[in-house]
Amino acid sequence: MALKYKIDVLEALKEKGFSSYTLRKEKHFSESTIQKLRNKESISWDNLNTICRLLGCDIGDVLEYQKEE
């Protein structure tokens, strides 16, 4: 994958007061999306939008492009 996470998304959300339980309970993310974030796997644009909204950041603060060799 050429796109890489620059931050630990779940840790950043936790610092903003969103535990995994809260994220599921308030229906921000499904359990499968939370698991993908734990494993640093790709997620949908809608979920990336939600991350940016909750963290108050831009997509470039979350992801970076790394050229594949």
PDB file of N, CA and C in Angstrom:
ATOM      1  N   MET A   1       0.844  -1.181   0.000  1.00  0.00           N
ATOM      2  CA  MET A   1       0.000   0.000   0.000  1.00  0.00           C
ATOM      3  C   MET A   1       0.883   1.236   0.000  1.00  0.00           C
ATOM      4  N   ALA A   2       0.619   2.162  -0.867  1.00  0.00           N
ATOM      5  CA  ALA A   2       1.406   3.382  -0.982  1.00  0.00           C
ATOM      6  C   ALA A   2       1.021   4.427   0.063  1.00  0.00           C
ATOM      7  N   LEU A   3      -0.195   4.377   0.553  1.00  0.00           N
ATOM      8  CA  LEU A   3      -0.617   5.301   1.606  1.00  0.00           C
ATOM      9  C   LEU A   3      -0.341   4.667   2.964  1.00  0.00           C
ATOM     10  N   LYS A   4       0.282   5.448   3.838  1.00  0.00           N
ATOM     11  CA  LYS A   4       0.633   4.969   5.176  1.00  0.00           C
ATOM     12  C   LYS A   4       0.058   5.925   6.215  1.00  0.00           C
ATOM     13  N   TYR A   5      -0.307   5.374   7.368  1.00  0.00           N
ATOM     14  CA  TYR A   5      -0.766   6.210   8.468  1.00  0.00           C
ATOM     15  C   TYR A   5       0.428   6.926   9.086  1.00  0.00           C
ATOM     16  N   LYS A   6       0.291   8.217   9.300  1.00  0.00           N
ATOM     17  CA  LYS A   6       1.337   9.007   9.945  1.00  0.00           C
ATOM     18  C   LYS A   6       1.210   8.950  11.462  1.00  0.00           C
ATOM     19  N   ILE A   7       0.023   8.645  11.929  1.00  0.00           N
ATOM     20  CA  ILE A   7      -0.251   8.641  13.371  1.00  0.00           C
ATOM     21  C   ILE A   7      -0.934   7.334  13.755  1.00  0.00           C
ATOM     22  N   ASP A   8      -0.937   7.057  15.037  1.00  0.00           N
ATOM     23  CA  ASP A   8      -1.747   5.960  15.563  1.00  0.00           C
ATOM     24  C   ASP A   8      -3.146   6.553  15.763  1.00  0.00           C
ATOM     25  N   VAL A   9      -4.035   6.260  14.841  1.00  0.00           N
ATOM     26  CA  VAL A   9      -5.353   6.892  14.805  1.00  0.00           C
ATOM     27  C   VAL A   9      -6.137   6.623  16.091  1.00  0.00           C
ATOM     28  N   LEU A  10      -6.168   5.383  16.540  1.00  0.00           N
ATOM     29  CA  LEU A  10      -6.939   5.062  17.743  1.00  0.00           C
ATOM     30  C   LEU A  10      -6.370   5.764  18.975  1.00  0.00           C
ATOM     31  N   GLU A  11      -5.057   5.887  19.055  1.00  0.00           N
ATOM     32  CA  GLU A  11      -4.436   6.603  20.171  1.00  0.00           C
ATOM     33  C   GLU A  11      -4.787   8.084  20.120  1.00  0.00           C
ATOM     34  N   ALA A  12      -4.750   8.674  18.928  1.00  0.00           N
ATOM     35  CA  ALA A  12      -5.101  10.090  18.777  1.00  0.00           C
ATOM     36  C   ALA A  12      -6.563  10.322  19.151  1.00  0.00           C
ATOM     37  N   LEU A  13      -7.439   9.416  18.740  1.00  0.00           N
ATOM     38  CA  LEU A  13      -8.855   9.536  19.098  1.00  0.00           C
ATOM     39  C   LEU A  13      -9.048   9.379  20.604  1.00  0.00           C
ATOM     40  N   LYS A  14      -8.299   8.460  21.203  1.00  0.00           N
ATOM     41  CA  LYS A  14      -8.388   8.254  22.652  1.00  0.00           C
ATOM     42  C   LYS A  14      -7.993   9.520  23.400  1.00  0.00           C
ATOM     43  N   GLU A  15      -6.950  10.213  22.909  1.00  0.00           N
ATOM     44  CA  GLU A  15      -6.519  11.466  23.535  1.00  0.00           C
ATOM     45  C   GLU A  15      -7.593  12.543  23.440  1.00  0.00           C
ATOM     46  N   LYS A  16      -8.469  12.438  22.434  1.00  0.00           N
ATOM     47  CA  LYS A  16      -9.579  13.383  22.276  1.00  0.00           C
ATOM     48  C   LYS A  16     -10.835  12.931  23.023  1.00  0.00           C
ATOM     49  N   GLY A  17     -10.743  11.792  23.744  1.00  0.00           N
ATOM     50  CA  GLY A  17     -11.859  11.322  24.545  1.00  0.00           C
ATOM     51  C   GLY A  17     -12.718  10.260  23.886  1.00  0.00           C
ATOM     52  N   PHE A  18     -12.243   9.674  22.789  1.00  0.00           N
ATOM     53  CA  PHE A  18     -12.999   8.649  22.074  1.00  0.00           C
ATOM     54  C   PHE A  18     -12.340   7.283  22.239  1.00  0.00           C
ATOM     55  N   SER A  19     -12.809   6.510  23.198  1.00  0.00           N
ATOM     56  CA  SER A  19     -12.311   5.143  23.353  1.00  0.00           C
ATOM     57  C   SER A  19     -12.915   4.265  22.269  1.00  0.00           C
ATOM     58  N   SER A  20     -12.387   3.070  22.105  1.00  0.00           N
ATOM     59  CA  SER A  20     -12.956   2.127  21.134  1.00  0.00           C
ATOM     60  C   SER A  20     -14.426   1.874  21.446  1.00  0.00           C
ATOM     61  N   TYR A  21     -14.730   1.755  22.729  1.00  0.00           N
ATOM     62  CA  TYR A  21     -16.119   1.528  23.142  1.00  0.00           C
ATOM     63  C   TYR A  21     -17.005   2.705  22.715  1.00  0.00           C
ATOM     64  N   THR A  22     -16.537   3.929  22.982  1.00  0.00           N
ATOM     65  CA  THR A  22     -17.302   5.125  22.622  1.00  0.00           C
ATOM     66  C   THR A  22     -17.496   5.227  21.111  1.00  0.00           C
ATOM     67  N   LEU A  23     -16.444   4.923  20.356  1.00  0.00           N
ATOM     68  CA  LEU A  23     -16.539   4.991  18.897  1.00  0.00           C
ATOM     69  C   LEU A  23     -17.600   4.040  18.363  1.00  0.00           C
ATOM     70  N   ARG A  24     -17.705   2.847  18.965  1.00  0.00           N
ATOM     71  CA  ARG A  24     -18.741   1.882  18.558  1.00  0.00           C
ATOM     72  C   ARG A  24     -20.106   2.318  19.066  1.00  0.00           C
ATOM     73  N   LYS A  25     -20.186   2.681  20.336  1.00  0.00           N
ATOM     74  CA  LYS A  25     -21.461   3.043  20.959  1.00  0.00           C
ATOM     75  C   LYS A  25     -22.115   4.230  20.260  1.00  0.00           C
ATOM     76  N   GLU A  26     -21.317   5.240  19.912  1.00  0.00           N
ATOM     77  CA  GLU A  26     -21.845   6.433  19.249  1.00  0.00           C
ATOM     78  C   GLU A  26     -21.929   6.257  17.735  1.00  0.00           C
ATOM     79  N   LYS A  27     -21.651   5.036  17.268  1.00  0.00           N
ATOM     80  CA  LYS A  27     -21.782   4.633  15.863  1.00  0.00           C
ATOM     81  C   LYS A  27     -20.928   5.461  14.905  1.00  0.00           C
ATOM     82  N   HIS A  28     -19.726   5.840  15.382  1.00  0.00           N
ATOM     83  CA  HIS A  28     -18.773   6.500  14.490  1.00  0.00           C
ATOM     84  C   HIS A  28     -18.136   5.465  13.572  1.00  0.00           C
ATOM     85  N   PHE A  29     -17.780   4.301  14.149  1.00  0.00           N
ATOM     86  CA  PHE A  29     -17.134   3.226  13.397  1.00  0.00           C
ATOM     87  C   PHE A  29     -17.685   1.876  13.817  1.00  0.00           C
ATOM     88  N   SER A  30     -17.653   0.936  12.875  1.00  0.00           N
ATOM     89  CA  SER A  30     -18.015  -0.442  13.185  1.00  0.00           C
ATOM     90  C   SER A  30     -16.820  -1.137  13.840  1.00  0.00           C
ATOM     91  N   GLU A  31     -17.062  -2.290  14.420  1.00  0.00           N
ATOM     92  CA  GLU A  31     -15.969  -3.063  15.013  1.00  0.00           C
ATOM     93  C   GLU A  31     -14.936  -3.438  13.958  1.00  0.00           C
ATOM     94  N   SER A  32     -15.386  -3.754  12.747  1.00  0.00           N
ATOM     95  CA  SER A  32     -14.436  -4.134  11.692  1.00  0.00           C
ATOM     96  C   SER A  32     -13.542  -2.960  11.301  1.00  0.00           C
ATOM     97  N   THR A  33     -14.066  -1.759  11.286  1.00  0.00           N
ATOM     98  CA  THR A  33     -13.249  -0.585  10.974  1.00  0.00           C
ATOM     99  C   THR A  33     -12.240  -0.332  12.087  1.00  0.00           C
ATOM    100  N   ILE A  34     -12.652  -0.482  13.321  1.00  0.00           N
ATOM    101  CA  ILE A  34     -11.734  -0.305  14.449  1.00  0.00           C
ATOM    102  C   ILE A  34     -10.614  -1.346  14.370  1.00  0.00           C
ATOM    103  N   GLN A  35     -10.957  -2.557  13.998  1.00  0.00           N
ATOM    104  CA  GLN A  35      -9.940  -3.603  13.855  1.00  0.00           C
ATOM    105  C   GLN A  35      -8.975  -3.254  12.718  1.00  0.00           C
ATOM    106  N   LYS A  36      -9.479  -2.721  11.616  1.00  0.00           N
ATOM    107  CA  LYS A  36      -8.615  -2.304  10.508  1.00  0.00           C
ATOM    108  C   LYS A  36      -7.667  -1.192  10.960  1.00  0.00           C
ATOM    109  N   LEU A  37      -8.155  -0.271  11.759  1.00  0.00           N
ATOM    110  CA  LEU A  37      -7.300   0.796  12.279  1.00  0.00           C
ATOM    111  C   LEU A  37      -6.218   0.228  13.190  1.00  0.00           C
ATOM    112  N   ARG A  38      -6.564  -0.750  14.003  1.00  0.00           N
ATOM    113  CA  ARG A  38      -5.572  -1.411  14.867  1.00  0.00           C
ATOM    114  C   ARG A  38      -4.469  -2.054  14.040  1.00  0.00           C
ATOM    115  N   ASN A  39      -4.855  -2.638  12.911  1.00  0.00           N
ATOM    116  CA  ASN A  39      -3.905  -3.351  12.053  1.00  0.00           C
ATOM    117  C   ASN A  39      -3.279  -2.463  10.985  1.00  0.00           C
ATOM    118  N   LYS A  40      -3.594  -1.163  11.026  1.00  0.00           N
ATOM    119  CA  LYS A  40      -3.083  -0.180  10.055  1.00  0.00           C
ATOM    120  C   LYS A  40      -3.422  -0.564   8.621  1.00  0.00           C
ATOM    121  N   GLU A  41      -4.638  -1.060   8.432  1.00  0.00           N
ATOM    122  CA  GLU A  41      -5.142  -1.424   7.114  1.00  0.00           C
ATOM    123  C   GLU A  41      -5.940  -0.258   6.532  1.00  0.00           C
ATOM    124  N   SER A  42      -6.202  -0.333   5.236  1.00  0.00           N
ATOM    125  CA  SER A  42      -6.943   0.747   4.584  1.00  0.00           C
ATOM    126  C   SER A  42      -8.415   0.730   5.003  1.00  0.00           C
ATOM    127  N   ILE A  43      -8.997   1.922   5.031  1.00  0.00           N
ATOM    128  CA  ILE A  43     -10.408   2.089   5.378  1.00  0.00           C
ATOM    129  C   ILE A  43     -11.049   2.988   4.324  1.00  0.00           C
ATOM    130  N   SER A  44     -12.362   3.132   4.392  1.00  0.00           N
ATOM    131  CA  SER A  44     -13.091   3.907   3.387  1.00  0.00           C
ATOM    132  C   SER A  44     -12.853   5.410   3.558  1.00  0.00           C
ATOM    133  N   TRP A  45     -13.150   6.133   2.474  1.00  0.00           N
ATOM    134  CA  TRP A  45     -13.052   7.588   2.520  1.00  0.00           C
ATOM    135  C   TRP A  45     -14.015   8.163   3.549  1.00  0.00           C
ATOM    136  N   ASP A  46     -15.189   7.567   3.687  1.00  0.00           N
ATOM    137  CA  ASP A  46     -16.157   8.042   4.683  1.00  0.00           C
ATOM    138  C   ASP A  46     -15.569   7.935   6.085  1.00  0.00           C
ATOM    139  N   ASN A  47     -14.885   6.825   6.357  1.00  0.00           N
ATOM    140  CA  ASN A  47     -14.273   6.658   7.670  1.00  0.00           C
ATOM    141  C   ASN A  47     -13.115   7.628   7.874  1.00  0.00           C
ATOM    142  N   LEU A  48     -12.337   7.876   6.821  1.00  0.00           N
ATOM    143  CA  LEU A  48     -11.263   8.866   6.921  1.00  0.00           C
ATOM    144  C   LEU A  48     -11.836  10.255   7.185  1.00  0.00           C
ATOM    145  N   ASN A  49     -12.953  10.564   6.552  1.00  0.00           N
ATOM    146  CA  ASN A  49     -13.639  11.834   6.793  1.00  0.00           C
ATOM    147  C   ASN A  49     -14.057  11.947   8.259  1.00  0.00           C
ATOM    148  N   THR A  50     -14.581  10.868   8.810  1.00  0.00           N
ATOM    149  CA  THR A  50     -14.994  10.859  10.214  1.00  0.00           C
ATOM    150  C   THR A  50     -13.797  11.080  11.132  1.00  0.00           C
ATOM    151  N   ILE A  51     -12.673  10.443  10.828  1.00  0.00           N
ATOM    152  CA  ILE A  51     -11.460  10.632  11.630  1.00  0.00           C
ATOM    153  C   ILE A  51     -11.050  12.090  11.628  1.00  0.00           C
ATOM    154  N   CYS A  52     -11.011  12.697  10.452  1.00  0.00           N
ATOM    155  CA  CYS A  52     -10.618  14.105  10.352  1.00  0.00           C
ATOM    156  C   CYS A  52     -11.585  15.010  11.113  1.00  0.00           C
ATOM    157  N   ARG A  53     -12.866  14.704  11.033  1.00  0.00           N
ATOM    158  CA  ARG A  53     -13.869  15.506  11.751  1.00  0.00           C
ATOM    159  C   ARG A  53     -13.677  15.380  13.261  1.00  0.00           C
ATOM    160  N   LEU A  54     -13.498  14.155  13.756  1.00  0.00           N
ATOM    161  CA  LEU A  54     -13.354  13.941  15.189  1.00  0.00           C
ATOM    162  C   LEU A  54     -12.056  14.522  15.738  1.00  0.00           C
ATOM    163  N   LEU A  55     -10.986  14.449  14.942  1.00  0.00           N
ATOM    164  CA  LEU A  55      -9.692  14.957  15.395  1.00  0.00           C
ATOM    165  C   LEU A  55      -9.502  16.438  15.082  1.00  0.00           C
ATOM    166  N   GLY A  56     -10.354  16.984  14.202  1.00  0.00           N
ATOM    167  CA  GLY A  56     -10.201  18.377  13.804  1.00  0.00           C
ATOM    168  C   GLY A  56      -8.922  18.601  13.014  1.00  0.00           C
ATOM    169  N   CYS A  57      -8.659  17.689  12.079  1.00  0.00           N
ATOM    170  CA  CYS A  57      -7.417  17.770  11.311  1.00  0.00           C
ATOM    171  C   CYS A  57      -7.685  17.566   9.824  1.00  0.00           C
ATOM    172  N   ASP A  58      -6.631  17.654   9.029  1.00  0.00           N
ATOM    173  CA  ASP A  58      -6.707  17.403   7.590  1.00  0.00           C
ATOM    174  C   ASP A  58      -6.230  15.987   7.295  1.00  0.00           C
ATOM    175  N   ILE A  59      -6.591  15.468   6.132  1.00  0.00           N
ATOM    176  CA  ILE A  59      -6.202  14.116   5.741  1.00  0.00           C
ATOM    177  C   ILE A  59      -4.678  13.956   5.731  1.00  0.00           C
ATOM    178  N   GLY A  60      -3.958  15.025   5.382  1.00  0.00           N
ATOM    179  CA  GLY A  60      -2.498  14.986   5.364  1.00  0.00           C
ATOM    180  C   GLY A  60      -1.892  14.827   6.745  1.00  0.00           C
ATOM    181  N   ASP A  61      -2.670  15.107   7.782  1.00  0.00           N
ATOM    182  CA  ASP A  61      -2.205  14.893   9.154  1.00  0.00           C
ATOM    183  C   ASP A  61      -2.317  13.424   9.546  1.00  0.00           C
ATOM    184  N   VAL A  62      -3.125  12.670   8.803  1.00  0.00           N
ATOM    185  CA  VAL A  62      -3.400  11.267   9.131  1.00  0.00           C
ATOM    186  C   VAL A  62      -2.640  10.317   8.206  1.00  0.00           C
ATOM    187  N   LEU A  63      -2.607  10.639   6.911  1.00  0.00           N
ATOM    188  CA  LEU A  63      -2.000   9.761   5.909  1.00  0.00           C
ATOM    189  C   LEU A  63      -0.860  10.449   5.177  1.00  0.00           C
ATOM    190  N   GLU A  64       0.061   9.646   4.659  1.00  0.00           N
ATOM    191  CA  GLU A  64       1.112  10.138   3.791  1.00  0.00           C
ATOM    192  C   GLU A  64       1.322   9.142   2.664  1.00  0.00           C
ATOM    193  N   TYR A  65       1.758   9.632   1.535  1.00  0.00           N
ATOM    194  CA  TYR A  65       2.046   8.786   0.388  1.00  0.00           C
ATOM    195  C   TYR A  65       3.507   8.390   0.423  1.00  0.00           C
ATOM    196  N   GLN A  66       3.776   7.100   0.319  1.00  0.00           N
ATOM    197  CA  GLN A  66       5.138   6.608   0.232  1.00  0.00           C
ATOM    198  C   GLN A  66       5.276   5.856  -1.082  1.00  0.00           C
ATOM    199  N   LYS A  67       6.188   6.322  -1.883  1.00  0.00           N
ATOM    200  CA  LYS A  67       6.416   5.724  -3.184  1.00  0.00           C
ATOM    201  C   LYS A  67       6.847   4.261  -3.022  1.00  0.00           C
ATOM    202  N   GLU A  68       6.179   3.388  -3.759  1.00  0.00           N
ATOM    203  CA  GLU A  68       6.524   1.967  -3.719  1.00  0.00           C
ATOM    204  C   GLU A  68       7.697   1.715  -4.643  1.00  0.00           C
ATOM    205  N   GLU A  69       8.587   0.857  -4.217  1.00  0.00           N
ATOM    206  CA  GLU A  69       9.766   0.557  -5.045  1.00  0.00           C
ATOM    207  C   GLU A  69       9.585  -0.726  -5.800  1.00  0.00           C
TER     208      GLU A  69
END
